[in-house]
Amino acid sequence: RGITAFSSPFDRTAVELLEKLDAPMYKIASSEITDL
């Protein structure tokens, strides 16, 4: 549909999944801002 899809990951396994899907960017949710 010509629209960008991306996600907020919440742990390492989520990032690993999104990297396999070639996610173009990452969003850090408010509650995770202290999860450096």
PDB file of all heavy atoms in Angstrom:
ATOM      1  N   ARG A   1       0.805  -1.216   0.000  1.00  0.00           N
ATOM      2  CA  ARG A   1       0.000   0.000   0.000  1.00  0.00           C
ATOM      3  C   ARG A   1       0.849   1.283   0.000  1.00  0.00           C
ATOM      4  O   ARG A   1       0.309   2.384   0.041  1.00  0.00           O
ATOM      5  CB  ARG A   1      -0.939   0.010   1.214  1.00  0.00           C
ATOM      6  CG  ARG A   1      -2.000  -1.082   1.207  1.00  0.00           C
ATOM      7  CD  ARG A   1      -2.887  -1.022  -0.047  1.00  0.00           C
ATOM      8  NE  ARG A   1      -3.337   0.323  -0.333  1.00  0.00           N
ATOM      9  CZ  ARG A   1      -4.432   0.883   0.193  1.00  0.00           C
ATOM     10  NH1 ARG A   1      -5.187   0.181   1.025  1.00  0.00           N
ATOM     11  NH2 ARG A   1      -4.790   2.115  -0.138  1.00  0.00           N
ATOM     12  N   GLY A   2       2.170   1.123  -0.018  1.00  0.00           N
ATOM     13  CA  GLY A   2       3.026   2.290  -0.096  1.00  0.00           C
ATOM     14  C   GLY A   2       3.102   3.093   1.183  1.00  0.00           C
ATOM     15  O   GLY A   2       3.308   4.308   1.171  1.00  0.00           O
ATOM     16  N   ILE A   3       2.938   2.426   2.309  1.00  0.00           N
ATOM     17  CA  ILE A   3       2.995   3.082   3.612  1.00  0.00           C
ATOM     18  C   ILE A   3       4.081   2.396   4.437  1.00  0.00           C
ATOM     19  O   ILE A   3       4.297   1.194   4.316  1.00  0.00           O
ATOM     20  CB  ILE A   3       1.612   3.013   4.305  1.00  0.00           C
ATOM     21  CG1 ILE A   3       1.575   3.866   5.572  1.00  0.00           C
ATOM     22  CG2 ILE A   3       1.202   1.596   4.595  1.00  0.00           C
ATOM     23  CD1 ILE A   3       0.175   3.961   6.186  1.00  0.00           C
ATOM     24  N   THR A   4       4.777   3.151   5.271  1.00  0.00           N
ATOM     25  CA  THR A   4       5.856   2.598   6.083  1.00  0.00           C
ATOM     26  C   THR A   4       5.290   1.876   7.298  1.00  0.00           C
ATOM     27  O   THR A   4       4.421   2.403   7.987  1.00  0.00           O
ATOM     28  CB  THR A   4       6.795   3.725   6.559  1.00  0.00           C
ATOM     29  OG1 THR A   4       7.376   4.343   5.408  1.00  0.00           O
ATOM     30  CG2 THR A   4       7.899   3.173   7.455  1.00  0.00           C
ATOM     31  N   ALA A   5       5.783   0.679   7.557  1.00  0.00           N
ATOM     32  CA  ALA A   5       5.409  -0.060   8.768  1.00  0.00           C
ATOM     33  C   ALA A   5       6.630  -0.147   9.682  1.00  0.00           C
ATOM     34  O   ALA A   5       7.735  -0.429   9.225  1.00  0.00           O
ATOM     35  CB  ALA A   5       4.914  -1.463   8.426  1.00  0.00           C
ATOM     36  N   PHE A   6       6.432   0.147  10.962  1.00  0.00           N
ATOM     37  CA  PHE A   6       7.505  -0.021  11.930  1.00  0.00           C
ATOM     38  C   PHE A   6       6.885  -0.348  13.273  1.00  0.00           C
ATOM     39  O   PHE A   6       5.666  -0.502  13.388  1.00  0.00           O
ATOM     40  CB  PHE A   6       8.429   1.197  11.977  1.00  0.00           C
ATOM     41  CG  PHE A   6       7.838   2.440  12.582  1.00  0.00           C
ATOM     42  CD1 PHE A   6       8.231   2.874  13.842  1.00  0.00           C
ATOM     43  CD2 PHE A   6       6.908   3.211  11.879  1.00  0.00           C
ATOM     44  CE1 PHE A   6       7.722   4.037  14.389  1.00  0.00           C
ATOM     45  CE2 PHE A   6       6.392   4.370  12.419  1.00  0.00           C
ATOM     46  CZ  PHE A   6       6.786   4.789  13.680  1.00  0.00           C
ATOM     47  N   SER A   7       7.705  -0.469  14.309  1.00  0.00           N
ATOM     48  CA  SER A   7       7.181  -0.968  15.575  1.00  0.00           C
ATOM     49  C   SER A   7       7.924  -0.398  16.772  1.00  0.00           C
ATOM     50  O   SER A   7       9.029   0.146  16.645  1.00  0.00           O
ATOM     51  CB  SER A   7       7.269  -2.492  15.616  1.00  0.00           C
ATOM     52  OG  SER A   7       6.679  -3.011  16.803  1.00  0.00           O
ATOM     53  N   SER A   8       7.301  -0.564  17.930  1.00  0.00           N
ATOM     54  CA  SER A   8       7.949  -0.337  19.221  1.00  0.00           C
ATOM     55  C   SER A   8       8.336  -1.705  19.771  1.00  0.00           C
ATOM     56  O   SER A   8       7.458  -2.502  20.118  1.00  0.00           O
ATOM     57  CB  SER A   8       6.993   0.338  20.214  1.00  0.00           C
ATOM     58  OG  SER A   8       6.694   1.648  19.820  1.00  0.00           O
ATOM     59  N   PRO A   9       9.626  -2.000  19.853  1.00  0.00           N
ATOM     60  CA  PRO A   9      10.040  -3.260  20.479  1.00  0.00           C
ATOM     61  C   PRO A   9      10.166  -3.066  21.984  1.00  0.00           C
ATOM     62  O   PRO A   9      10.416  -1.954  22.454  1.00  0.00           O
ATOM     63  CB  PRO A   9      11.408  -3.521  19.843  1.00  0.00           C
ATOM     64  CG  PRO A   9      11.947  -2.140  19.585  1.00  0.00           C
ATOM     65  CD  PRO A   9      10.759  -1.251  19.284  1.00  0.00           C
ATOM     66  N   PHE A  10      10.023  -4.150  22.728  1.00  0.00           N
ATOM     67  CA  PHE A  10      10.079  -4.044  24.184  1.00  0.00           C
ATOM     68  C   PHE A  10      11.149  -4.924  24.815  1.00  0.00           C
ATOM     69  O   PHE A  10      11.317  -4.887  26.034  1.00  0.00           O
ATOM     70  CB  PHE A  10       8.700  -4.346  24.779  1.00  0.00           C
ATOM     71  CG  PHE A  10       7.684  -3.270  24.473  1.00  0.00           C
ATOM     72  CD1 PHE A  10       7.023  -3.250  23.258  1.00  0.00           C
ATOM     73  CD2 PHE A  10       7.425  -2.258  25.385  1.00  0.00           C
ATOM     74  CE1 PHE A  10       6.099  -2.242  22.965  1.00  0.00           C
ATOM     75  CE2 PHE A  10       6.514  -1.254  25.092  1.00  0.00           C
ATOM     76  CZ  PHE A  10       5.848  -1.243  23.889  1.00  0.00           C
ATOM     77  N   ASP A  11      11.843  -5.689  23.971  1.00  0.00           N
ATOM     78  CA  ASP A  11      12.970  -6.455  24.493  1.00  0.00           C
ATOM     79  C   ASP A  11      13.834  -6.903  23.323  1.00  0.00           C
ATOM     80  O   ASP A  11      13.533  -6.628  22.161  1.00  0.00           O
ATOM     81  CB  ASP A  11      12.500  -7.651  25.329  1.00  0.00           C
ATOM     82  CG  ASP A  11      12.005  -8.819  24.491  1.00  0.00           C
ATOM     83  OD1 ASP A  11      11.458  -8.575  23.382  1.00  0.00           O
ATOM     84  OD2 ASP A  11      12.164  -9.979  24.921  1.00  0.00           O
ATOM     85  N   ARG A  12      14.931  -7.611  23.642  1.00  0.00           N
ATOM     86  CA  ARG A  12      15.883  -8.027  22.611  1.00  0.00           C
ATOM     87  C   ARG A  12      15.233  -8.935  21.563  1.00  0.00           C
ATOM     88  O   ARG A  12      15.504  -8.796  20.357  1.00  0.00           O
ATOM     89  CB  ARG A  12      17.066  -8.756  23.265  1.00  0.00           C
ATOM     90  CG  ARG A  12      18.078  -9.292  22.263  1.00  0.00           C
ATOM     91  CD  ARG A  12      19.256  -9.947  22.955  1.00  0.00           C
ATOM     92  NE  ARG A  12      20.058  -8.951  23.650  1.00  0.00           N
ATOM     93  CZ  ARG A  12      21.018  -8.235  23.066  1.00  0.00           C
ATOM     94  NH1 ARG A  12      21.262  -8.387  21.767  1.00  0.00           N
ATOM     95  NH2 ARG A  12      21.705  -7.365  23.770  1.00  0.00           N
ATOM     96  N   THR A  13      14.394  -9.848  22.001  1.00  0.00           N
ATOM     97  CA  THR A  13      13.790 -10.767  21.031  1.00  0.00           C
ATOM     98  C   THR A  13      12.902 -10.012  20.037  1.00  0.00           C
ATOM     99  O   THR A  13      12.812 -10.393  18.867  1.00  0.00           O
ATOM    100  CB  THR A  13      12.967 -11.857  21.744  1.00  0.00           C
ATOM    101  OG1 THR A  13      11.910 -11.251  22.501  1.00  0.00           O
ATOM    102  CG2 THR A  13      13.845 -12.675  22.671  1.00  0.00           C
ATOM    103  N   ALA A  14      12.272  -8.947  20.484  1.00  0.00           N
ATOM    104  CA  ALA A  14      11.453  -8.138  19.587  1.00  0.00           C
ATOM    105  C   ALA A  14      12.326  -7.439  18.545  1.00  0.00           C
ATOM    106  O   ALA A  14      11.989  -7.395  17.359  1.00  0.00           O
ATOM    107  CB  ALA A  14      10.659  -7.115  20.390  1.00  0.00           C
ATOM    108  N   VAL A  15      13.458  -6.905  18.980  1.00  0.00           N
ATOM    109  CA  VAL A  15      14.377  -6.252  18.037  1.00  0.00           C
ATOM    110  C   VAL A  15      14.884  -7.271  17.017  1.00  0.00           C
ATOM    111  O   VAL A  15      14.969  -6.975  15.812  1.00  0.00           O
ATOM    112  CB  VAL A  15      15.546  -5.584  18.785  1.00  0.00           C
ATOM    113  CG1 VAL A  15      16.560  -5.000  17.799  1.00  0.00           C
ATOM    114  CG2 VAL A  15      15.032  -4.500  19.722  1.00  0.00           C
ATOM    115  N   GLU A  16      15.217  -8.466  17.480  1.00  0.00           N
ATOM    116  CA  GLU A  16      15.702  -9.505  16.562  1.00  0.00           C
ATOM    117  C   GLU A  16      14.652  -9.842  15.510  1.00  0.00           C
ATOM    118  O   GLU A  16      14.972  -9.987  14.316  1.00  0.00           O
ATOM    119  CB  GLU A  16      16.095 -10.750  17.356  1.00  0.00           C
ATOM    120  CG  GLU A  16      17.337 -10.543  18.219  1.00  0.00           C
ATOM    121  CD  GLU A  16      17.595 -11.693  19.177  1.00  0.00           C
ATOM    122  OE1 GLU A  16      16.705 -12.591  19.286  1.00  0.00           O
ATOM    123  OE2 GLU A  16      18.657 -11.703  19.823  1.00  0.00           O
ATOM    124  N   LEU A  17      13.396  -9.949  15.922  1.00  0.00           N
ATOM    125  CA  LEU A  17      12.318 -10.219  14.972  1.00  0.00           C
ATOM    126  C   LEU A  17      12.194  -9.082  13.968  1.00  0.00           C
ATOM    127  O   LEU A  17      12.098  -9.308  12.758  1.00  0.00           O
ATOM    128  CB  LEU A  17      11.000 -10.407  15.722  1.00  0.00           C
ATOM    129  CG  LEU A  17       9.739 -10.463  14.835  1.00  0.00           C
ATOM    130  CD1 LEU A  17       9.752 -11.700  13.949  1.00  0.00           C
ATOM    131  CD2 LEU A  17       8.471 -10.418  15.686  1.00  0.00           C
ATOM    132  N   LEU A  18      12.191  -7.871  14.454  1.00  0.00           N
ATOM    133  CA  LEU A  18      11.998  -6.712  13.580  1.00  0.00           C
ATOM    134  C   LEU A  18      13.171  -6.518  12.625  1.00  0.00           C
ATOM    135  O   LEU A  18      12.980  -6.085  11.481  1.00  0.00           O
ATOM    136  CB  LEU A  18      11.766  -5.456  14.426  1.00  0.00           C
ATOM    137  CG  LEU A  18      10.447  -5.464  15.193  1.00  0.00           C
ATOM    138  CD1 LEU A  18      10.425  -4.359  16.255  1.00  0.00           C
ATOM    139  CD2 LEU A  18       9.256  -5.308  14.247  1.00  0.00           C
ATOM    140  N   GLU A  19      14.363  -6.867  13.062  1.00  0.00           N
ATOM    141  CA  GLU A  19      15.508  -6.788  12.157  1.00  0.00           C
ATOM    142  C   GLU A  19      15.357  -7.786  11.011  1.00  0.00           C
ATOM    143  O   GLU A  19      15.700  -7.488   9.865  1.00  0.00           O
ATOM    144  CB  GLU A  19      16.806  -7.043  12.924  1.00  0.00           C
ATOM    145  CG  GLU A  19      17.324  -5.826  13.673  1.00  0.00           C
ATOM    146  CD  GLU A  19      17.692  -4.702  12.722  1.00  0.00           C
ATOM    147  OE1 GLU A  19      18.743  -4.781  12.052  1.00  0.00           O
ATOM    148  OE2 GLU A  19      16.914  -3.720  12.636  1.00  0.00           O
ATOM    149  N   LYS A  20      14.819  -8.980  11.299  1.00  0.00           N
ATOM    150  CA  LYS A  20      14.584  -9.969  10.238  1.00  0.00           C
ATOM    151  C   LYS A  20      13.575  -9.454   9.223  1.00  0.00           C
ATOM    152  O   LYS A  20      13.609  -9.823   8.047  1.00  0.00           O
ATOM    153  CB  LYS A  20      14.089 -11.274  10.849  1.00  0.00           C
ATOM    154  CG  LYS A  20      15.141 -12.023  11.645  1.00  0.00           C
ATOM    155  CD  LYS A  20      14.562 -13.284  12.281  1.00  0.00           C
ATOM    156  CE  LYS A  20      15.610 -13.999  13.120  1.00  0.00           C
ATOM    157  NZ  LYS A  20      15.043 -15.199  13.812  1.00  0.00           N
ATOM    158  N   LEU A  21      12.660  -8.597   9.684  1.00  0.00           N
ATOM    159  CA  LEU A  21      11.643  -8.033   8.800  1.00  0.00           C
ATOM    160  C   LEU A  21      12.117  -6.738   8.146  1.00  0.00           C
ATOM    161  O   LEU A  21      11.363  -6.097   7.415  1.00  0.00           O
ATOM    162  CB  LEU A  21      10.361  -7.759   9.596  1.00  0.00           C
ATOM    163  CG  LEU A  21       9.646  -8.992  10.151  1.00  0.00           C
ATOM    164  CD1 LEU A  21       8.515  -8.576  11.072  1.00  0.00           C
ATOM    165  CD2 LEU A  21       9.132  -9.864   9.015  1.00  0.00           C
ATOM    166  N   ASP A  22      13.381  -6.363   8.399  1.00  0.00           N
ATOM    167  CA  ASP A  22      13.964  -5.137   7.854  1.00  0.00           C
ATOM    168  C   ASP A  22      13.144  -3.907   8.251  1.00  0.00           C
ATOM    169  O   ASP A  22      12.848  -3.043   7.426  1.00  0.00           O
ATOM    170  CB  ASP A  22      14.079  -5.221   6.324  1.00  0.00           C
ATOM    171  CG  ASP A  22      15.030  -4.177   5.760  1.00  0.00           C
ATOM    172  OD1 ASP A  22      15.914  -3.713   6.516  1.00  0.00           O
ATOM    173  OD2 ASP A  22      14.866  -3.803   4.581  1.00  0.00           O
ATOM    174  N   ALA A  23      12.779  -3.838   9.531  1.00  0.00           N
ATOM    175  CA  ALA A  23      12.057  -2.662  10.034  1.00  0.00           C
ATOM    176  C   ALA A  23      12.889  -1.415   9.762  1.00  0.00           C
ATOM    177  O   ALA A  23      14.094  -1.396  10.017  1.00  0.00           O
ATOM    178  CB  ALA A  23      11.805  -2.804  11.532  1.00  0.00           C
ATOM    179  N   PRO A  24      12.268  -0.344   9.250  1.00  0.00           N
ATOM    180  CA  PRO A  24      13.039   0.834   8.843  1.00  0.00           C
ATOM    181  C   PRO A  24      13.421   1.769   9.980  1.00  0.00           C
ATOM    182  O   PRO A  24      14.287   2.623   9.809  1.00  0.00           O
ATOM    183  CB  PRO A  24      12.083   1.533   7.870  1.00  0.00           C
ATOM    184  CG  PRO A  24      10.721   1.177   8.374  1.00  0.00           C
ATOM    185  CD  PRO A  24      10.839  -0.229   8.893  1.00  0.00           C
ATOM    186  N   MET A  25      12.764   1.657  11.143  1.00  0.00           N
ATOM    187  CA  MET A  25      13.071   2.519  12.278  1.00  0.00           C
ATOM    188  C   MET A  25      12.457   1.907  13.532  1.00  0.00           C
ATOM    189  O   MET A  25      11.685   0.944  13.453  1.00  0.00           O
ATOM    190  CB  MET A  25      12.552   3.941  12.058  1.00  0.00           C
ATOM    191  CG  MET A  25      11.094   4.047  11.687  1.00  0.00           C
ATOM    192  SD  MET A  25      10.680   5.748  11.208  1.00  0.00           S
ATOM    193  CE  MET A  25       9.144   5.516  10.324  1.00  0.00           C
ATOM    194  N   TYR A  26      12.798   2.495  14.686  1.00  0.00           N
ATOM    195  CA  TYR A  26      12.312   1.972  15.954  1.00  0.00           C
ATOM    196  C   TYR A  26      11.744   3.091  16.813  1.00  0.00           C
ATOM    197  O   TYR A  26      12.265   4.201  16.848  1.00  0.00           O
ATOM    198  CB  TYR A  26      13.447   1.269  16.716  1.00  0.00           C
ATOM    199  CG  TYR A  26      13.855  -0.033  16.074  1.00  0.00           C
ATOM    200  CD1 TYR A  26      14.983  -0.093  15.261  1.00  0.00           C
ATOM    201  CD2 TYR A  26      13.094  -1.179  16.249  1.00  0.00           C
ATOM    202  CE1 TYR A  26      15.352  -1.279  14.645  1.00  0.00           C
ATOM    203  CE2 TYR A  26      13.451  -2.379  15.640  1.00  0.00           C
ATOM    204  CZ  TYR A  26      14.585  -2.415  14.838  1.00  0.00           C
ATOM    205  OH  TYR A  26      14.925  -3.590  14.231  1.00  0.00           O
ATOM    206  N   LYS A  27      10.665   2.773  17.503  1.00  0.00           N
ATOM    207  CA  LYS A  27      10.039   3.711  18.434  1.00  0.00           C
ATOM    208  C   LYS A  27      10.235   3.182  19.854  1.00  0.00           C
ATOM    209  O   LYS A  27       9.930   2.020  20.146  1.00  0.00           O
ATOM    210  CB  LYS A  27       8.540   3.839  18.106  1.00  0.00           C
ATOM    211  CG  LYS A  27       7.643   4.340  19.240  1.00  0.00           C
ATOM    212  CD  LYS A  27       7.680   5.840  19.401  1.00  0.00           C
ATOM    213  CE  LYS A  27       6.818   6.291  20.592  1.00  0.00           C
ATOM    214  NZ  LYS A  27       5.389   6.031  20.429  1.00  0.00           N
ATOM    215  N   ILE A  28      10.737   4.025  20.731  1.00  0.00           N
ATOM    216  CA  ILE A  28      10.852   3.685  22.143  1.00  0.00           C
ATOM    217  C   ILE A  28       9.619   4.227  22.849  1.00  0.00           C
ATOM    218  O   ILE A  28       9.355   5.430  22.833  1.00  0.00           O
ATOM    219  CB  ILE A  28      12.128   4.291  22.765  1.00  0.00           C
ATOM    220  CG1 ILE A  28      13.373   3.846  21.988  1.00  0.00           C
ATOM    221  CG2 ILE A  28      12.223   3.920  24.238  1.00  0.00           C
ATOM    222  CD1 ILE A  28      13.595   2.353  21.966  1.00  0.00           C
ATOM    223  N   ALA A  29       8.846   3.345  23.457  1.00  0.00           N
ATOM    224  CA  ALA A  29       7.619   3.751  24.143  1.00  0.00           C
ATOM    225  C   ALA A  29       7.964   4.535  25.410  1.00  0.00           C
ATOM    226  O   ALA A  29       9.054   4.391  25.981  1.00  0.00           O
ATOM    227  CB  ALA A  29       6.785   2.522  24.499  1.00  0.00           C
ATOM    228  N   SER A  30       7.023   5.344  25.854  1.00  0.00           N
ATOM    229  CA  SER A  30       7.271   6.207  27.007  1.00  0.00           C
ATOM    230  C   SER A  30       7.739   5.431  28.238  1.00  0.00           C
ATOM    231  O   SER A  30       8.684   5.842  28.922  1.00  0.00           O
ATOM    232  CB  SER A  30       5.996   6.992  27.356  1.00  0.00           C
ATOM    233  OG  SER A  30       5.747   8.005  26.416  1.00  0.00           O
ATOM    234  N   SER A  31       7.101   4.329  28.532  1.00  0.00           N
ATOM    235  CA  SER A  31       7.453   3.578  29.740  1.00  0.00           C
ATOM    236  C   SER A  31       8.827   2.923  29.639  1.00  0.00           C
ATOM    237  O   SER A  31       9.391   2.513  30.647  1.00  0.00           O
ATOM    238  CB  SER A  31       6.392   2.515  30.029  1.00  0.00           C
ATOM    239  OG  SER A  31       5.160   3.114  30.376  1.00  0.00           O
ATOM    240  N   GLU A  32       9.375   2.840  28.424  1.00  0.00           N
ATOM    241  CA  GLU A  32      10.682   2.222  28.218  1.00  0.00           C
ATOM    242  C   GLU A  32      11.807   3.249  28.116  1.00  0.00           C
ATOM    243  O   GLU A  32      12.949   2.888  27.833  1.00  0.00           O
ATOM    244  CB  GLU A  32      10.650   1.346  26.962  1.00  0.00           C
ATOM    245  CG  GLU A  32      10.133  -0.067  27.185  1.00  0.00           C
ATOM    246  CD  GLU A  32       8.731  -0.107  27.783  1.00  0.00           C
ATOM    247  OE1 GLU A  32       7.846   0.634  27.293  1.00  0.00           O
ATOM    248  OE2 GLU A  32       8.499  -0.877  28.727  1.00  0.00           O
ATOM    249  N   ILE A  33      11.512   4.530  28.325  1.00  0.00           N
ATOM    250  CA  ILE A  33      12.541   5.554  28.145  1.00  0.00           C
ATOM    251  C   ILE A  33      13.701   5.384  29.124  1.00  0.00           C
ATOM    252  O   ILE A  33      14.825   5.806  28.857  1.00  0.00           O
ATOM    253  CB  ILE A  33      11.935   6.976  28.246  1.00  0.00           C
ATOM    254  CG1 ILE A  33      12.927   8.010  27.699  1.00  0.00           C
ATOM    255  CG2 ILE A  33      11.506   7.295  29.674  1.00  0.00           C
ATOM    256  CD1 ILE A  33      12.316   9.392  27.517  1.00  0.00           C
ATOM    257  N   THR A  34      13.450   4.735  30.247  1.00  0.00           N
ATOM    258  CA  THR A  34      14.533   4.497  31.204  1.00  0.00           C
ATOM    259  C   THR A  34      15.234   3.160  30.980  1.00  0.00           C
ATOM    260  O   THR A  34      16.195   2.834  31.690  1.00  0.00           O
ATOM    261  CB  THR A  34      14.003   4.550  32.648  1.00  0.00           C
ATOM    262  OG1 THR A  34      12.947   3.595  32.800  1.00  0.00           O
ATOM    263  CG2 THR A  34      13.486   5.945  32.990  1.00  0.00           C
ATOM    264  N   ASP A  35      14.775   2.398  29.984  1.00  0.00           N
ATOM    265  CA  ASP A  35      15.425   1.114  29.657  1.00  0.00           C
ATOM    266  C   ASP A  35      16.557   1.405  28.670  1.00  0.00           C
ATOM    267  O   ASP A  35      16.453   1.166  27.466  1.00  0.00           O
ATOM    268  CB  ASP A  35      14.400   0.147  29.057  1.00  0.00           C
ATOM    269  CG  ASP A  35      14.950  -1.273  28.900  1.00  0.00           C
ATOM    270  OD1 ASP A  35      16.185  -1.452  29.018  1.00  0.00           O
ATOM    271  OD2 ASP A  35      14.152  -2.181  28.637  1.00  0.00           O
ATOM    272  N   LEU A  36      17.642   1.946  29.196  1.00  0.00           N
ATOM    273  CA  LEU A  36      18.745   2.382  28.336  1.00  0.00           C
ATOM    274  C   LEU A  36      19.379   1.230  27.555  1.00  0.00           C
ATOM    275  O   LEU A  36      19.779   1.428  26.397  1.00  0.00           O
ATOM    276  CB  LEU A  36      19.788   3.136  29.158  1.00  0.00           C
ATOM    277  CG  LEU A  36      19.268   4.383  29.892  1.00  0.00           C
ATOM    278  CD1 LEU A  36      20.433   5.137  30.538  1.00  0.00           C
ATOM    279  CD2 LEU A  36      18.481   5.292  28.966  1.00  0.00           C
TER     280      LEU A  36
END
